[in-house]
């Protein structure tokens, strides 16, 4: 994972769709030619019959983020493993620098979920993202939330977050996230 600078940059990132399990390799190749990429990863312990190993898995399966100002389309599609750009309503999906910074801070493991505070099916809001979503699954310290603005993409993202960072739209959780 690359270290992202924390600043008030107003630039946008495009979401690049990759072939399955090619995310890290594609991001590395693109960085090699000077394209600014972000491929968020999470650590996972995999167990085989004779050993356990901690591996880095992409947090966004089959997706990497590329900074809009750092590439041209011909550069991107010269590599194997790239399928195309993710789109929403016929336009390229864009992610703001603020949303990328928030994603990076969530994945750094600074937050945890208390299962007793959030239930599956709860409608929650992540104030720093100003996005609403429904809790799809809770497992350990992770909470899978389907964000309302990306329901058409049929993707569910997992963020390990403390309940103090949510406001519950159903009135159960009342703590809000202080602005970062």
N, C-alpha and C. Protein backbone atom coordinates (compact mmCIF):
# COMPACT_ATOMS: atom_id res chain seq x y z
N UNK A 1 0.84 -1.18 0.00
CA UNK A 1 0.00 0.00 0.00
C UNK A 1 0.88 1.23 0.00
N UNK A 2 0.48 2.26 -0.76
CA UNK A 2 1.24 3.49 -0.78
C UNK A 2 0.71 4.42 0.30
N UNK A 3 1.57 5.30 0.79
CA UNK A 3 1.14 6.30 1.76
C UNK A 3 0.55 7.46 1.01
N UNK A 4 -0.69 7.79 1.32
CA UNK A 4 -1.35 8.90 0.67
C UNK A 4 -1.15 10.16 1.49
N UNK A 5 -0.78 11.27 0.85
CA UNK A 5 -0.63 12.51 1.60
C UNK A 5 -1.99 13.01 2.06
N UNK A 6 -2.06 13.50 3.30
CA UNK A 6 -3.30 14.05 3.84
C UNK A 6 -3.29 15.56 3.57
N UNK A 7 -4.11 15.98 2.62
CA UNK A 7 -4.20 17.39 2.31
C UNK A 7 -5.57 17.70 1.72
N UNK A 8 -5.82 18.95 1.49
CA UNK A 8 -7.12 19.38 0.99
C UNK A 8 -7.17 19.37 -0.53
N UNK A 9 -6.55 18.40 -1.15
CA UNK A 9 -6.53 18.27 -2.60
C UNK A 9 -7.95 18.02 -3.11
N UNK A 10 -8.34 18.74 -4.14
CA UNK A 10 -9.67 18.58 -4.71
C UNK A 10 -9.69 17.68 -5.94
N UNK A 11 -8.60 16.95 -6.17
CA UNK A 11 -8.51 16.11 -7.37
C UNK A 11 -9.43 14.90 -7.25
N UNK A 12 -9.66 14.28 -8.41
CA UNK A 12 -10.53 13.12 -8.48
C UNK A 12 -9.74 11.88 -8.89
N UNK A 13 -10.24 10.73 -8.50
CA UNK A 13 -9.68 9.45 -8.85
C UNK A 13 -10.71 8.70 -9.68
N UNK A 14 -10.27 7.97 -10.68
CA UNK A 14 -11.14 7.10 -11.46
C UNK A 14 -11.01 5.68 -10.93
N UNK A 15 -12.07 4.91 -11.07
CA UNK A 15 -12.07 3.52 -10.61
C UNK A 15 -11.82 2.63 -11.82
N UNK A 16 -10.70 1.92 -11.78
CA UNK A 16 -10.29 1.06 -12.88
C UNK A 16 -10.69 -0.38 -12.55
N UNK A 17 -11.40 -1.04 -13.46
CA UNK A 17 -11.83 -2.42 -13.27
C UNK A 17 -10.74 -3.34 -13.81
N UNK A 18 -10.30 -4.28 -12.98
CA UNK A 18 -9.24 -5.21 -13.38
C UNK A 18 -9.80 -6.63 -13.44
N UNK A 19 -9.01 -7.51 -14.01
CA UNK A 19 -9.36 -8.93 -13.97
C UNK A 19 -9.24 -9.40 -12.52
N UNK A 20 -9.96 -10.45 -12.15
CA UNK A 20 -9.88 -10.95 -10.77
C UNK A 20 -8.45 -11.31 -10.37
N UNK A 21 -8.09 -10.95 -9.16
CA UNK A 21 -6.79 -11.24 -8.55
C UNK A 21 -5.61 -10.60 -9.30
N UNK A 22 -5.87 -9.55 -10.08
CA UNK A 22 -4.79 -8.87 -10.80
C UNK A 22 -4.57 -7.45 -10.28
N UNK A 23 -5.28 -7.08 -9.21
CA UNK A 23 -5.27 -5.70 -8.74
C UNK A 23 -3.88 -5.20 -8.37
N UNK A 24 -3.20 -5.93 -7.52
CA UNK A 24 -1.88 -5.47 -7.04
C UNK A 24 -0.85 -5.45 -8.16
N UNK A 25 -0.89 -6.44 -9.03
CA UNK A 25 0.06 -6.50 -10.14
C UNK A 25 -0.15 -5.34 -11.11
N UNK A 26 -1.41 -5.04 -11.45
CA UNK A 26 -1.71 -3.94 -12.35
C UNK A 26 -1.29 -2.61 -11.72
N UNK A 27 -1.60 -2.43 -10.44
CA UNK A 27 -1.22 -1.18 -9.76
C UNK A 27 0.30 -1.00 -9.77
N UNK A 28 1.03 -2.08 -9.53
CA UNK A 28 2.49 -2.00 -9.53
C UNK A 28 3.03 -1.63 -10.92
N UNK A 29 2.47 -2.22 -11.97
CA UNK A 29 2.91 -1.91 -13.33
C UNK A 29 2.61 -0.45 -13.67
N UNK A 30 1.44 0.03 -13.30
CA UNK A 30 1.07 1.41 -13.59
C UNK A 30 1.95 2.40 -12.83
N UNK A 31 2.26 2.08 -11.56
CA UNK A 31 3.18 2.95 -10.81
C UNK A 31 4.55 2.99 -11.47
N UNK A 32 4.94 1.89 -12.10
CA UNK A 32 6.23 1.82 -12.78
C UNK A 32 6.34 2.79 -13.95
N UNK A 33 5.22 3.17 -14.55
CA UNK A 33 5.27 4.13 -15.66
C UNK A 33 4.83 5.53 -15.22
N UNK A 34 4.71 5.74 -13.91
CA UNK A 34 4.43 7.07 -13.40
C UNK A 34 2.98 7.41 -13.15
N UNK A 35 2.08 6.43 -13.22
CA UNK A 35 0.67 6.67 -12.95
C UNK A 35 0.44 6.55 -11.44
N UNK A 36 -0.25 7.53 -10.86
CA UNK A 36 -0.54 7.50 -9.44
C UNK A 36 -1.72 6.56 -9.21
N UNK A 37 -1.48 5.48 -8.45
CA UNK A 37 -2.51 4.49 -8.19
C UNK A 37 -2.68 4.28 -6.69
N UNK A 38 -3.82 3.75 -6.31
CA UNK A 38 -4.07 3.34 -4.93
C UNK A 38 -4.85 2.04 -4.98
N UNK A 39 -4.23 0.99 -4.45
CA UNK A 39 -4.86 -0.32 -4.38
C UNK A 39 -4.93 -0.68 -2.89
N UNK A 40 -6.03 -0.31 -2.22
CA UNK A 40 -6.12 -0.58 -0.78
C UNK A 40 -6.15 -2.07 -0.49
N UNK A 41 -5.41 -2.47 0.53
CA UNK A 41 -5.34 -3.88 0.91
C UNK A 41 -5.68 -4.06 2.38
N UNK A 42 -6.08 -5.28 2.70
CA UNK A 42 -6.32 -5.67 4.08
C UNK A 42 -5.55 -6.95 4.35
N UNK A 43 -5.09 -7.11 5.59
CA UNK A 43 -4.36 -8.32 5.97
C UNK A 43 -5.35 -9.41 6.33
N UNK A 44 -5.05 -10.62 5.87
CA UNK A 44 -5.91 -11.76 6.16
C UNK A 44 -5.03 -12.96 6.44
N UNK A 45 -5.36 -13.71 7.47
CA UNK A 45 -4.62 -14.93 7.79
C UNK A 45 -5.25 -16.08 7.03
N UNK A 46 -4.47 -16.71 6.16
CA UNK A 46 -4.93 -17.88 5.42
C UNK A 46 -4.30 -19.13 6.04
N UNK A 47 -5.10 -20.17 6.15
CA UNK A 47 -4.61 -21.39 6.78
C UNK A 47 -4.64 -22.53 5.77
N UNK A 48 -3.53 -23.22 5.70
CA UNK A 48 -3.43 -24.44 4.91
C UNK A 48 -3.27 -25.59 5.89
N UNK A 49 -3.19 -26.79 5.40
CA UNK A 49 -3.11 -27.94 6.30
C UNK A 49 -1.82 -27.94 7.12
N UNK A 50 -0.74 -27.34 6.60
CA UNK A 50 0.53 -27.39 7.30
C UNK A 50 1.02 -26.05 7.85
N UNK A 51 0.33 -24.94 7.54
CA UNK A 51 0.83 -23.64 8.01
C UNK A 51 -0.26 -22.57 7.90
N UNK A 52 0.03 -21.43 8.56
CA UNK A 52 -0.78 -20.23 8.46
C UNK A 52 0.10 -19.13 7.89
N UNK A 53 -0.50 -18.28 7.10
CA UNK A 53 0.26 -17.19 6.50
C UNK A 53 -0.61 -15.95 6.43
N UNK A 54 -0.05 -14.79 6.76
CA UNK A 54 -0.76 -13.53 6.63
C UNK A 54 -0.52 -13.00 5.23
N UNK A 55 -1.62 -12.76 4.52
CA UNK A 55 -1.51 -12.26 3.15
C UNK A 55 -2.24 -10.92 3.03
N UNK A 56 -1.85 -10.13 2.05
CA UNK A 56 -2.50 -8.86 1.76
C UNK A 56 -3.49 -9.08 0.62
N UNK A 57 -4.78 -8.87 0.90
CA UNK A 57 -5.82 -9.02 -0.12
C UNK A 57 -6.37 -7.64 -0.45
N UNK A 58 -6.75 -7.42 -1.70
CA UNK A 58 -7.34 -6.13 -2.07
C UNK A 58 -8.66 -5.90 -1.32
N UNK A 59 -8.82 -4.69 -0.80
CA UNK A 59 -10.06 -4.34 -0.10
C UNK A 59 -11.19 -4.09 -1.08
N UNK A 60 -10.84 -3.70 -2.30
CA UNK A 60 -11.82 -3.47 -3.35
C UNK A 60 -11.56 -4.49 -4.45
N UNK A 61 -12.24 -5.64 -4.43
CA UNK A 61 -11.95 -6.69 -5.41
C UNK A 61 -12.14 -6.21 -6.84
N UNK A 62 -11.17 -6.53 -7.68
CA UNK A 62 -11.18 -6.21 -9.11
C UNK A 62 -11.22 -4.72 -9.40
N UNK A 63 -10.74 -3.90 -8.44
CA UNK A 63 -10.72 -2.45 -8.64
C UNK A 63 -9.43 -1.84 -8.11
N UNK A 64 -8.94 -0.83 -8.80
CA UNK A 64 -7.90 0.04 -8.28
C UNK A 64 -8.29 1.47 -8.61
N UNK A 65 -7.75 2.39 -7.85
CA UNK A 65 -8.02 3.81 -8.08
C UNK A 65 -6.82 4.43 -8.78
N UNK A 66 -7.08 5.24 -9.81
CA UNK A 66 -6.01 5.95 -10.51
C UNK A 66 -6.34 7.43 -10.49
N UNK A 67 -5.33 8.24 -10.16
CA UNK A 67 -5.53 9.69 -10.09
C UNK A 67 -5.72 10.24 -11.50
N UNK A 68 -6.76 11.03 -11.69
CA UNK A 68 -7.13 11.50 -13.02
C UNK A 68 -6.02 12.27 -13.73
N UNK A 69 -5.25 13.03 -13.01
CA UNK A 69 -4.24 13.88 -13.65
C UNK A 69 -2.95 13.14 -13.99
N UNK A 70 -2.86 11.86 -13.71
CA UNK A 70 -1.58 11.17 -13.84
C UNK A 70 -1.49 10.19 -15.01
N UNK A 71 -2.45 10.18 -15.92
CA UNK A 71 -2.43 9.18 -16.99
C UNK A 71 -3.16 9.67 -18.22
N UNK A 72 -2.95 8.94 -19.31
CA UNK A 72 -3.84 9.05 -20.46
C UNK A 72 -4.34 7.63 -20.75
N UNK A 73 -5.47 7.51 -21.42
CA UNK A 73 -6.11 6.21 -21.61
C UNK A 73 -5.21 5.20 -22.33
N UNK A 74 -4.41 5.67 -23.27
CA UNK A 74 -3.54 4.76 -24.03
C UNK A 74 -2.54 4.07 -23.10
N UNK A 75 -2.02 4.81 -22.10
CA UNK A 75 -1.09 4.21 -21.13
C UNK A 75 -1.77 3.09 -20.36
N UNK A 76 -2.98 3.33 -19.91
CA UNK A 76 -3.66 2.36 -19.05
C UNK A 76 -3.96 1.05 -19.76
N UNK A 77 -4.45 1.13 -20.97
CA UNK A 77 -4.93 -0.07 -21.64
C UNK A 77 -3.83 -0.80 -22.41
N UNK A 78 -2.57 -0.43 -22.18
CA UNK A 78 -1.47 -1.16 -22.80
C UNK A 78 -1.04 -2.35 -21.93
N UNK A 79 -1.67 -2.55 -20.78
CA UNK A 79 -1.31 -3.63 -19.86
C UNK A 79 -2.39 -4.70 -19.82
N UNK A 80 -1.95 -5.95 -19.70
CA UNK A 80 -2.89 -7.04 -19.47
C UNK A 80 -3.44 -6.91 -18.06
N UNK A 81 -4.65 -7.35 -17.87
CA UNK A 81 -5.25 -7.33 -16.55
C UNK A 81 -6.24 -6.19 -16.36
N UNK A 82 -6.27 -5.22 -17.27
CA UNK A 82 -7.19 -4.10 -17.15
C UNK A 82 -8.41 -4.37 -18.04
N UNK A 83 -9.59 -4.33 -17.42
CA UNK A 83 -10.82 -4.57 -18.15
C UNK A 83 -11.38 -3.26 -18.70
N UNK A 84 -11.39 -2.23 -17.89
CA UNK A 84 -11.93 -0.93 -18.30
C UNK A 84 -12.20 -0.07 -17.09
N UNK A 85 -12.92 1.01 -17.29
CA UNK A 85 -13.29 1.90 -16.19
C UNK A 85 -14.64 1.46 -15.64
N UNK A 86 -14.79 1.57 -14.32
CA UNK A 86 -16.10 1.36 -13.71
C UNK A 86 -16.93 2.58 -14.06
N UNK A 87 -18.22 2.37 -14.28
CA UNK A 87 -19.07 3.50 -14.63
C UNK A 87 -20.32 3.50 -13.76
N UNK A 88 -20.91 4.67 -13.66
CA UNK A 88 -22.15 4.85 -12.92
C UNK A 88 -23.01 5.79 -13.73
N UNK A 89 -24.19 5.33 -14.13
CA UNK A 89 -25.11 6.10 -14.96
C UNK A 89 -24.47 6.55 -16.26
N UNK A 90 -23.67 5.67 -16.86
CA UNK A 90 -23.08 5.95 -18.16
C UNK A 90 -21.83 6.81 -18.14
N UNK A 91 -21.38 7.24 -16.97
CA UNK A 91 -20.18 8.06 -16.87
C UNK A 91 -19.15 7.34 -16.01
N UNK A 92 -17.88 7.68 -16.22
CA UNK A 92 -16.83 7.07 -15.40
C UNK A 92 -17.07 7.36 -13.93
N UNK A 93 -16.92 6.32 -13.11
CA UNK A 93 -17.07 6.48 -11.67
C UNK A 93 -15.90 7.30 -11.15
N UNK A 94 -16.18 8.31 -10.37
CA UNK A 94 -15.16 9.20 -9.81
C UNK A 94 -15.22 9.14 -8.29
N UNK A 95 -14.05 9.24 -7.67
CA UNK A 95 -13.92 9.24 -6.22
C UNK A 95 -13.10 10.47 -5.85
N UNK A 96 -13.57 11.23 -4.87
CA UNK A 96 -12.85 12.44 -4.46
C UNK A 96 -11.65 12.07 -3.59
N UNK A 97 -10.72 13.00 -3.50
CA UNK A 97 -9.52 12.79 -2.67
C UNK A 97 -9.92 12.59 -1.21
N UNK A 98 -10.95 13.30 -0.76
CA UNK A 98 -11.42 13.17 0.62
C UNK A 98 -11.90 11.74 0.89
N UNK A 99 -12.65 11.16 -0.05
CA UNK A 99 -13.14 9.79 0.12
C UNK A 99 -12.00 8.78 0.12
N UNK A 100 -10.97 9.02 -0.69
CA UNK A 100 -9.80 8.14 -0.70
C UNK A 100 -9.07 8.23 0.62
N UNK A 101 -8.92 9.45 1.17
CA UNK A 101 -8.26 9.62 2.47
C UNK A 101 -9.02 8.91 3.58
N UNK A 102 -10.36 9.00 3.54
CA UNK A 102 -11.18 8.34 4.55
C UNK A 102 -11.05 6.83 4.44
N UNK A 103 -11.08 6.31 3.22
CA UNK A 103 -10.91 4.88 3.00
C UNK A 103 -9.56 4.41 3.55
N UNK A 104 -8.51 5.17 3.28
CA UNK A 104 -7.17 4.81 3.77
C UNK A 104 -7.13 4.80 5.29
N UNK A 105 -7.75 5.78 5.94
CA UNK A 105 -7.72 5.81 7.40
C UNK A 105 -8.55 4.67 8.00
N UNK A 106 -9.67 4.30 7.36
CA UNK A 106 -10.45 3.15 7.84
C UNK A 106 -9.64 1.87 7.73
N UNK A 107 -8.95 1.70 6.63
CA UNK A 107 -8.21 0.47 6.41
C UNK A 107 -6.93 0.38 7.22
N UNK A 108 -6.50 1.49 7.80
CA UNK A 108 -5.33 1.47 8.67
C UNK A 108 -5.63 0.78 10.00
N UNK A 109 -6.90 0.45 10.23
CA UNK A 109 -7.27 -0.31 11.42
C UNK A 109 -7.44 0.52 12.66
N UNK A 110 -7.74 1.79 12.52
CA UNK A 110 -7.88 2.67 13.67
C UNK A 110 -9.23 2.52 14.35
N UNK A 111 -10.18 1.85 13.69
CA UNK A 111 -11.53 1.77 14.20
C UNK A 111 -11.97 0.32 14.34
N UNK A 112 -12.87 0.06 15.28
CA UNK A 112 -13.42 -1.28 15.46
C UNK A 112 -14.94 -1.19 15.56
N UNK A 113 -15.60 -2.30 15.32
CA UNK A 113 -17.05 -2.36 15.39
C UNK A 113 -17.46 -3.14 16.63
N UNK A 114 -18.40 -2.61 17.39
CA UNK A 114 -18.98 -3.33 18.51
C UNK A 114 -20.26 -3.96 18.00
N UNK A 115 -20.26 -5.27 17.87
CA UNK A 115 -21.39 -5.98 17.24
C UNK A 115 -22.71 -5.72 17.94
N UNK A 116 -22.69 -5.54 19.25
CA UNK A 116 -23.94 -5.36 19.97
C UNK A 116 -24.61 -4.02 19.64
N UNK A 117 -23.87 -3.07 19.07
CA UNK A 117 -24.43 -1.76 18.79
C UNK A 117 -25.07 -1.65 17.41
N UNK A 118 -24.62 -2.43 16.46
CA UNK A 118 -25.13 -2.38 15.09
C UNK A 118 -25.68 -3.75 14.74
N UNK A 119 -26.85 -3.77 14.14
CA UNK A 119 -27.47 -5.02 13.75
C UNK A 119 -27.62 -5.08 12.23
N UNK A 120 -27.67 -6.27 11.69
CA UNK A 120 -27.88 -6.46 10.26
C UNK A 120 -29.22 -5.86 9.88
N UNK A 121 -29.22 -5.10 8.80
CA UNK A 121 -30.43 -4.45 8.33
C UNK A 121 -30.57 -3.02 8.80
N UNK A 122 -29.74 -2.58 9.78
CA UNK A 122 -29.79 -1.20 10.24
C UNK A 122 -29.44 -0.26 9.10
N UNK A 123 -30.16 0.84 9.02
CA UNK A 123 -29.86 1.90 8.08
C UNK A 123 -28.95 2.88 8.81
N UNK A 124 -27.72 3.03 8.31
CA UNK A 124 -26.74 3.87 9.00
C UNK A 124 -26.21 4.93 8.06
N UNK A 125 -25.61 5.95 8.64
CA UNK A 125 -24.98 7.00 7.87
C UNK A 125 -23.54 7.13 8.35
N UNK A 126 -22.61 7.21 7.41
CA UNK A 126 -21.22 7.47 7.73
C UNK A 126 -21.02 8.97 7.50
N UNK A 127 -21.04 9.78 8.57
CA UNK A 127 -21.05 11.23 8.40
C UNK A 127 -19.87 11.79 7.62
N UNK A 128 -18.68 11.25 7.81
CA UNK A 128 -17.52 11.81 7.12
C UNK A 128 -17.63 11.59 5.61
N UNK A 129 -18.31 10.53 5.19
CA UNK A 129 -18.55 10.30 3.77
C UNK A 129 -19.85 10.93 3.31
N UNK A 130 -20.71 11.27 4.30
CA UNK A 130 -22.04 11.79 4.01
C UNK A 130 -22.81 10.83 3.10
N UNK A 131 -22.69 9.54 3.41
CA UNK A 131 -23.35 8.50 2.63
C UNK A 131 -24.19 7.64 3.57
N UNK A 132 -25.33 7.19 3.08
CA UNK A 132 -26.18 6.29 3.84
C UNK A 132 -26.08 4.89 3.25
N UNK A 133 -26.31 3.91 4.10
CA UNK A 133 -26.28 2.54 3.63
C UNK A 133 -26.91 1.60 4.62
N UNK A 134 -27.07 0.36 4.21
CA UNK A 134 -27.69 -0.67 5.04
C UNK A 134 -26.63 -1.71 5.41
N UNK A 135 -26.62 -2.10 6.69
CA UNK A 135 -25.68 -3.10 7.17
C UNK A 135 -26.07 -4.45 6.58
N UNK A 136 -25.14 -5.05 5.84
CA UNK A 136 -25.40 -6.33 5.17
C UNK A 136 -24.90 -7.52 6.00
N UNK A 137 -23.79 -7.32 6.72
CA UNK A 137 -23.17 -8.44 7.42
C UNK A 137 -22.27 -7.89 8.51
N UNK A 138 -22.17 -8.59 9.61
CA UNK A 138 -21.25 -8.26 10.69
C UNK A 138 -20.47 -9.51 11.03
N UNK A 139 -19.15 -9.40 11.00
CA UNK A 139 -18.31 -10.54 11.33
C UNK A 139 -17.08 -10.03 12.07
N UNK A 140 -16.93 -10.47 13.31
CA UNK A 140 -15.79 -10.03 14.11
C UNK A 140 -15.81 -8.53 14.28
N UNK A 141 -14.76 -7.87 13.82
CA UNK A 141 -14.67 -6.41 13.95
C UNK A 141 -14.97 -5.70 12.63
N UNK A 142 -15.56 -6.41 11.68
CA UNK A 142 -15.88 -5.81 10.38
C UNK A 142 -17.38 -5.71 10.18
N UNK A 143 -17.77 -4.64 9.52
CA UNK A 143 -19.18 -4.39 9.22
C UNK A 143 -19.29 -4.12 7.74
N UNK A 144 -20.05 -4.95 7.01
CA UNK A 144 -20.23 -4.77 5.57
C UNK A 144 -21.44 -3.88 5.36
N UNK A 145 -21.22 -2.76 4.66
CA UNK A 145 -22.28 -1.77 4.45
C UNK A 145 -22.49 -1.57 2.95
N UNK A 146 -23.73 -1.69 2.50
CA UNK A 146 -24.07 -1.39 1.10
C UNK A 146 -24.45 0.08 1.07
N UNK A 147 -23.58 0.91 0.46
CA UNK A 147 -23.82 2.34 0.41
C UNK A 147 -24.94 2.65 -0.58
N UNK A 148 -25.77 3.61 -0.22
CA UNK A 148 -26.97 3.91 -0.99
C UNK A 148 -26.65 4.42 -2.39
N UNK A 149 -25.58 5.19 -2.56
CA UNK A 149 -25.32 5.77 -3.88
C UNK A 149 -24.68 4.80 -4.84
N UNK A 150 -24.29 3.61 -4.38
CA UNK A 150 -23.69 2.64 -5.29
C UNK A 150 -24.48 1.34 -5.32
N UNK A 151 -25.75 1.42 -4.99
CA UNK A 151 -26.58 0.21 -5.00
C UNK A 151 -26.64 -0.41 -6.39
N UNK A 152 -26.57 0.42 -7.42
CA UNK A 152 -26.67 -0.12 -8.77
C UNK A 152 -25.42 -0.89 -9.17
N UNK A 153 -24.29 -0.66 -8.47
CA UNK A 153 -23.07 -1.39 -8.79
C UNK A 153 -23.07 -2.79 -8.17
N UNK A 154 -23.98 -3.05 -7.24
CA UNK A 154 -24.10 -4.35 -6.57
C UNK A 154 -22.79 -4.75 -5.89
N UNK A 155 -22.11 -3.79 -5.30
CA UNK A 155 -20.87 -4.06 -4.57
C UNK A 155 -21.12 -3.75 -3.10
N UNK A 156 -20.57 -4.55 -2.22
CA UNK A 156 -20.64 -4.31 -0.80
C UNK A 156 -19.22 -4.14 -0.31
N UNK A 157 -18.97 -3.04 0.40
CA UNK A 157 -17.63 -2.75 0.88
C UNK A 157 -17.56 -3.00 2.37
N UNK A 158 -16.44 -3.49 2.84
CA UNK A 158 -16.23 -3.80 4.24
C UNK A 158 -15.26 -2.79 4.84
N UNK A 159 -15.69 -2.15 5.92
CA UNK A 159 -14.82 -1.22 6.62
C UNK A 159 -14.85 -1.55 8.10
N UNK A 160 -13.70 -1.77 8.73
CA UNK A 160 -13.69 -1.95 10.18
C UNK A 160 -13.84 -0.59 10.85
N UNK A 161 -15.02 -0.30 11.40
CA UNK A 161 -15.33 1.03 11.94
C UNK A 161 -15.99 0.90 13.30
N UNK A 162 -15.70 1.83 14.20
CA UNK A 162 -16.34 1.87 15.50
C UNK A 162 -17.75 2.43 15.37
N UNK A 163 -18.64 1.97 16.23
CA UNK A 163 -20.01 2.48 16.18
C UNK A 163 -20.07 3.96 16.52
N UNK A 164 -19.08 4.49 17.18
CA UNK A 164 -19.10 5.92 17.48
C UNK A 164 -18.93 6.74 16.21
N UNK A 165 -18.62 6.10 15.10
CA UNK A 165 -18.44 6.81 13.85
C UNK A 165 -19.67 6.73 12.96
N UNK A 166 -20.75 6.19 13.48
CA UNK A 166 -21.99 6.09 12.73
C UNK A 166 -23.08 6.90 13.41
N UNK A 167 -24.02 7.34 12.64
CA UNK A 167 -25.28 7.80 13.22
C UNK A 167 -26.36 6.89 12.63
N UNK A 168 -27.18 6.35 13.47
CA UNK A 168 -28.21 5.41 13.02
C UNK A 168 -29.45 6.19 12.61
N UNK A 169 -29.90 5.99 11.40
CA UNK A 169 -31.06 6.71 10.90
C UNK A 169 -32.35 6.16 11.49
N UNK A 170 -32.29 4.98 12.10
CA UNK A 170 -33.47 4.41 12.75
C UNK A 170 -33.59 4.88 14.20
N UNK A 171 -32.64 5.64 14.69
CA UNK A 171 -32.71 6.21 16.03
C UNK A 171 -32.05 5.39 17.11
N UNK A 172 -31.36 4.31 16.80
CA UNK A 172 -30.75 3.48 17.83
C UNK A 172 -29.38 4.03 18.23
N UNK A 173 -28.55 4.34 17.25
CA UNK A 173 -27.21 4.84 17.54
C UNK A 173 -27.22 6.35 17.35
N UNK A 174 -26.73 7.09 18.34
CA UNK A 174 -26.84 8.55 18.27
C UNK A 174 -25.49 9.25 18.22
N UNK A 175 -24.39 8.52 18.32
CA UNK A 175 -23.08 9.16 18.32
C UNK A 175 -22.68 9.49 16.89
N UNK A 176 -22.06 10.64 16.71
CA UNK A 176 -21.64 11.08 15.38
C UNK A 176 -20.13 11.17 15.29
N UNK A 177 -19.64 11.08 14.08
CA UNK A 177 -18.22 11.19 13.82
C UNK A 177 -17.79 12.65 13.80
N UNK A 178 -16.78 13.02 14.62
CA UNK A 178 -16.25 14.37 14.50
C UNK A 178 -15.55 14.50 13.15
N UNK A 179 -15.67 15.63 12.52
CA UNK A 179 -15.08 15.83 11.18
C UNK A 179 -13.59 15.68 11.26
N UNK A 180 -13.01 14.89 10.33
CA UNK A 180 -11.56 14.65 10.29
C UNK A 180 -10.84 15.80 9.64
